[in-house]
Amino acid sequence: MYYPKKFYVGDIVETKKEHPCGSKQWEVIRVGADFKIKCIGCSRIVMLPRPKFEKSVKKTIKSAAPEENNIENS
């Protein structure tokens, strides 16, 4: 069974291959069936389908995951 990896808007990820500008770091701008990512080096924006994006990511450098413990419902 396929379980998609968790990525959030604002995450900084490192890819396996370099962008032509020389940077490997990207900021996630949009998540869903397609991902929109912005190069940290030159600010170029690229849109990729989810499977291609997940294969190209080497690691997450900075996560923007929402924290669930900050808000308590009374």
N, C-alpha and C. Protein backbone atom coordinates (compact mmCIF):
# COMPACT_ATOMS: atom_id res chain seq x y z
N MET A 1 0.84 -1.18 0.00
CA MET A 1 0.00 0.00 0.00
C MET A 1 0.89 1.25 0.00
N TYR A 2 0.47 2.28 -0.73
CA TYR A 2 1.24 3.51 -0.88
C TYR A 2 0.84 4.52 0.19
N TYR A 3 1.81 4.99 0.95
CA TYR A 3 1.59 6.05 1.93
C TYR A 3 2.42 7.25 1.53
N PRO A 4 1.79 8.37 1.17
CA PRO A 4 2.57 9.55 0.78
C PRO A 4 3.35 10.11 1.96
N LYS A 5 4.53 10.62 1.66
CA LYS A 5 5.35 11.25 2.70
C LYS A 5 4.71 12.57 3.08
N LYS A 6 4.97 13.02 4.31
CA LYS A 6 4.39 14.26 4.79
C LYS A 6 5.30 15.44 4.47
N PHE A 7 4.79 16.36 3.68
CA PHE A 7 5.47 17.61 3.39
C PHE A 7 4.50 18.73 3.67
N TYR A 8 5.01 19.86 4.12
CA TYR A 8 4.17 21.00 4.47
C TYR A 8 4.66 22.24 3.73
N VAL A 9 3.75 23.19 3.52
CA VAL A 9 4.13 24.47 2.92
C VAL A 9 5.13 25.15 3.85
N GLY A 10 6.25 25.58 3.29
CA GLY A 10 7.29 26.22 4.08
C GLY A 10 8.48 25.32 4.38
N ASP A 11 8.36 24.01 4.10
CA ASP A 11 9.49 23.09 4.29
C ASP A 11 10.64 23.48 3.36
N ILE A 12 11.86 23.28 3.82
CA ILE A 12 13.05 23.43 2.98
C ILE A 12 13.59 22.02 2.77
N VAL A 13 13.69 21.59 1.50
CA VAL A 13 14.15 20.24 1.19
C VAL A 13 15.41 20.30 0.33
N GLU A 14 16.19 19.22 0.40
CA GLU A 14 17.38 19.09 -0.44
C GLU A 14 17.12 18.00 -1.45
N THR A 15 17.42 18.28 -2.73
CA THR A 15 17.19 17.31 -3.79
C THR A 15 18.48 16.55 -4.11
N LYS A 16 18.32 15.44 -4.81
CA LYS A 16 19.47 14.61 -5.20
C LYS A 16 20.32 15.32 -6.25
N LYS A 17 19.66 16.00 -7.19
CA LYS A 17 20.37 16.69 -8.26
C LYS A 17 20.36 18.20 -8.04
N GLU A 18 21.40 18.86 -8.53
CA GLU A 18 21.47 20.32 -8.44
C GLU A 18 20.61 20.99 -9.50
N HIS A 19 20.10 22.15 -9.15
CA HIS A 19 19.45 23.02 -10.12
C HIS A 19 20.57 23.65 -10.96
N PRO A 20 20.32 24.05 -12.18
CA PRO A 20 21.38 24.67 -12.99
C PRO A 20 22.08 25.87 -12.32
N CYS A 21 21.43 26.53 -11.38
CA CYS A 21 22.07 27.66 -10.68
C CYS A 21 23.08 27.17 -9.65
N GLY A 22 23.07 25.87 -9.33
CA GLY A 22 24.04 25.31 -8.39
C GLY A 22 23.46 24.98 -7.02
N SER A 23 22.23 25.36 -6.75
CA SER A 23 21.61 25.11 -5.46
C SER A 23 20.88 23.77 -5.45
N LYS A 24 20.89 23.11 -4.29
CA LYS A 24 20.14 21.87 -4.11
C LYS A 24 18.96 22.07 -3.15
N GLN A 25 18.79 23.28 -2.64
CA GLN A 25 17.76 23.54 -1.64
C GLN A 25 16.55 24.22 -2.27
N TRP A 26 15.37 23.72 -1.87
CA TRP A 26 14.10 24.21 -2.41
C TRP A 26 13.13 24.46 -1.26
N GLU A 27 12.26 25.45 -1.43
CA GLU A 27 11.19 25.71 -0.47
C GLU A 27 9.88 25.23 -1.07
N VAL A 28 9.10 24.49 -0.28
CA VAL A 28 7.81 23.97 -0.74
C VAL A 28 6.78 25.10 -0.64
N ILE A 29 6.14 25.41 -1.77
CA ILE A 29 5.14 26.49 -1.82
C ILE A 29 3.73 25.93 -1.85
N ARG A 30 3.53 24.76 -2.48
CA ARG A 30 2.20 24.16 -2.61
C ARG A 30 2.33 22.66 -2.51
N VAL A 31 1.41 22.02 -1.80
CA VAL A 31 1.39 20.56 -1.69
C VAL A 31 0.05 20.03 -2.17
N GLY A 32 0.05 18.78 -2.57
CA GLY A 32 -1.16 18.14 -3.08
C GLY A 32 -0.77 17.08 -4.08
N ALA A 33 -1.58 16.91 -5.11
CA ALA A 33 -1.25 15.97 -6.17
C ALA A 33 -0.02 16.46 -6.94
N ASP A 34 0.12 17.78 -7.03
CA ASP A 34 1.30 18.41 -7.61
C ASP A 34 1.99 19.23 -6.53
N PHE A 35 3.29 19.38 -6.65
CA PHE A 35 4.06 20.20 -5.72
C PHE A 35 4.60 21.40 -6.47
N LYS A 36 4.54 22.56 -5.85
CA LYS A 36 5.18 23.75 -6.39
C LYS A 36 6.33 24.07 -5.44
N ILE A 37 7.54 24.15 -6.00
CA ILE A 37 8.72 24.41 -5.18
C ILE A 37 9.49 25.59 -5.75
N LYS A 38 10.19 26.33 -4.86
CA LYS A 38 10.95 27.50 -5.26
C LYS A 38 12.41 27.28 -4.91
N CYS A 39 13.30 27.50 -5.87
CA CYS A 39 14.74 27.34 -5.67
C CYS A 39 15.22 28.42 -4.71
N ILE A 40 16.00 28.02 -3.71
CA ILE A 40 16.53 28.97 -2.74
C ILE A 40 17.61 29.84 -3.39
N GLY A 41 18.35 29.27 -4.35
CA GLY A 41 19.45 30.00 -4.99
C GLY A 41 19.01 31.10 -5.92
N CYS A 42 18.04 30.82 -6.81
CA CYS A 42 17.68 31.79 -7.86
C CYS A 42 16.20 32.17 -7.86
N SER A 43 15.42 31.64 -6.96
CA SER A 43 13.98 31.93 -6.82
C SER A 43 13.12 31.45 -7.98
N ARG A 44 13.63 30.52 -8.78
CA ARG A 44 12.85 29.94 -9.87
C ARG A 44 11.79 29.03 -9.27
N ILE A 45 10.58 29.06 -9.81
CA ILE A 45 9.48 28.22 -9.31
C ILE A 45 9.22 27.10 -10.31
N VAL A 46 9.11 25.87 -9.78
CA VAL A 46 8.91 24.68 -10.61
C VAL A 46 7.73 23.91 -10.04
N MET A 47 6.92 23.32 -10.92
CA MET A 47 5.80 22.50 -10.49
C MET A 47 6.06 21.05 -10.92
N LEU A 48 5.93 20.11 -9.97
CA LEU A 48 6.20 18.70 -10.23
C LEU A 48 5.05 17.84 -9.73
N PRO A 49 4.78 16.71 -10.40
CA PRO A 49 3.81 15.76 -9.85
C PRO A 49 4.38 15.12 -8.58
N ARG A 50 3.50 14.72 -7.67
CA ARG A 50 3.93 14.17 -6.38
C ARG A 50 4.95 13.03 -6.49
N PRO A 51 4.73 12.01 -7.33
CA PRO A 51 5.71 10.91 -7.38
C PRO A 51 7.12 11.37 -7.78
N LYS A 52 7.21 12.26 -8.74
CA LYS A 52 8.52 12.76 -9.17
C LYS A 52 9.18 13.58 -8.07
N PHE A 53 8.39 14.41 -7.38
CA PHE A 53 8.93 15.22 -6.28
C PHE A 53 9.46 14.33 -5.16
N GLU A 54 8.66 13.32 -4.75
CA GLU A 54 9.08 12.44 -3.65
C GLU A 54 10.35 11.66 -3.99
N LYS A 55 10.51 11.28 -5.26
CA LYS A 55 11.73 10.56 -5.67
C LYS A 55 12.94 11.47 -5.68
N SER A 56 12.74 12.75 -5.97
CA SER A 56 13.88 13.66 -6.10
C SER A 56 14.37 14.22 -4.77
N VAL A 57 13.57 14.13 -3.71
CA VAL A 57 13.96 14.69 -2.41
C VAL A 57 14.91 13.74 -1.70
N LYS A 58 16.04 14.30 -1.26
CA LYS A 58 17.04 13.55 -0.52
C LYS A 58 16.74 13.62 0.98
N LYS A 59 16.50 14.85 1.49
CA LYS A 59 16.18 15.01 2.91
C LYS A 59 15.47 16.34 3.13
N THR A 60 14.81 16.44 4.28
CA THR A 60 14.16 17.68 4.69
C THR A 60 15.12 18.42 5.60
N ILE A 61 15.49 19.63 5.22
CA ILE A 61 16.44 20.42 6.00
C ILE A 61 15.72 21.14 7.14
N LYS A 62 14.60 21.80 6.82
CA LYS A 62 13.81 22.51 7.83
C LYS A 62 12.35 22.16 7.61
N SER A 63 11.71 21.69 8.66
CA SER A 63 10.31 21.31 8.56
C SER A 63 9.42 22.41 9.10
N ALA A 64 8.32 22.64 8.42
CA ALA A 64 7.33 23.64 8.85
C ALA A 64 6.07 22.93 9.34
N ALA A 65 6.24 21.76 9.95
CA ALA A 65 5.10 20.98 10.43
C ALA A 65 4.38 21.74 11.54
N PRO A 66 3.06 21.78 11.48
CA PRO A 66 2.30 22.45 12.55
C PRO A 66 2.39 21.66 13.85
N GLU A 67 2.50 22.39 14.94
CA GLU A 67 2.57 21.73 16.24
C GLU A 67 1.18 21.61 16.81
N GLU A 68 0.82 20.39 17.21
CA GLU A 68 -0.53 20.12 17.68
C GLU A 68 -0.71 20.42 19.17
N ASN A 69 0.36 20.51 19.93
CA ASN A 69 0.27 20.68 21.38
C ASN A 69 0.10 22.12 21.80
N ASN A 70 0.26 23.08 20.89
CA ASN A 70 0.15 24.50 21.25
C ASN A 70 -1.28 24.93 21.55
N ILE A 71 -2.26 24.36 20.88
CA ILE A 71 -3.65 24.77 21.04
C ILE A 71 -4.42 23.68 21.76
N GLU A 72 -5.01 24.05 22.88
CA GLU A 72 -5.83 23.09 23.62
C GLU A 72 -7.25 23.61 23.65
N ASN A 73 -8.18 22.77 23.23
CA ASN A 73 -9.59 23.15 23.25
C ASN A 73 -10.16 22.97 24.65
N SER A 74 -10.83 24.01 25.17
CA SER A 74 -11.41 23.91 26.51
C SER A 74 -12.90 23.81 26.43
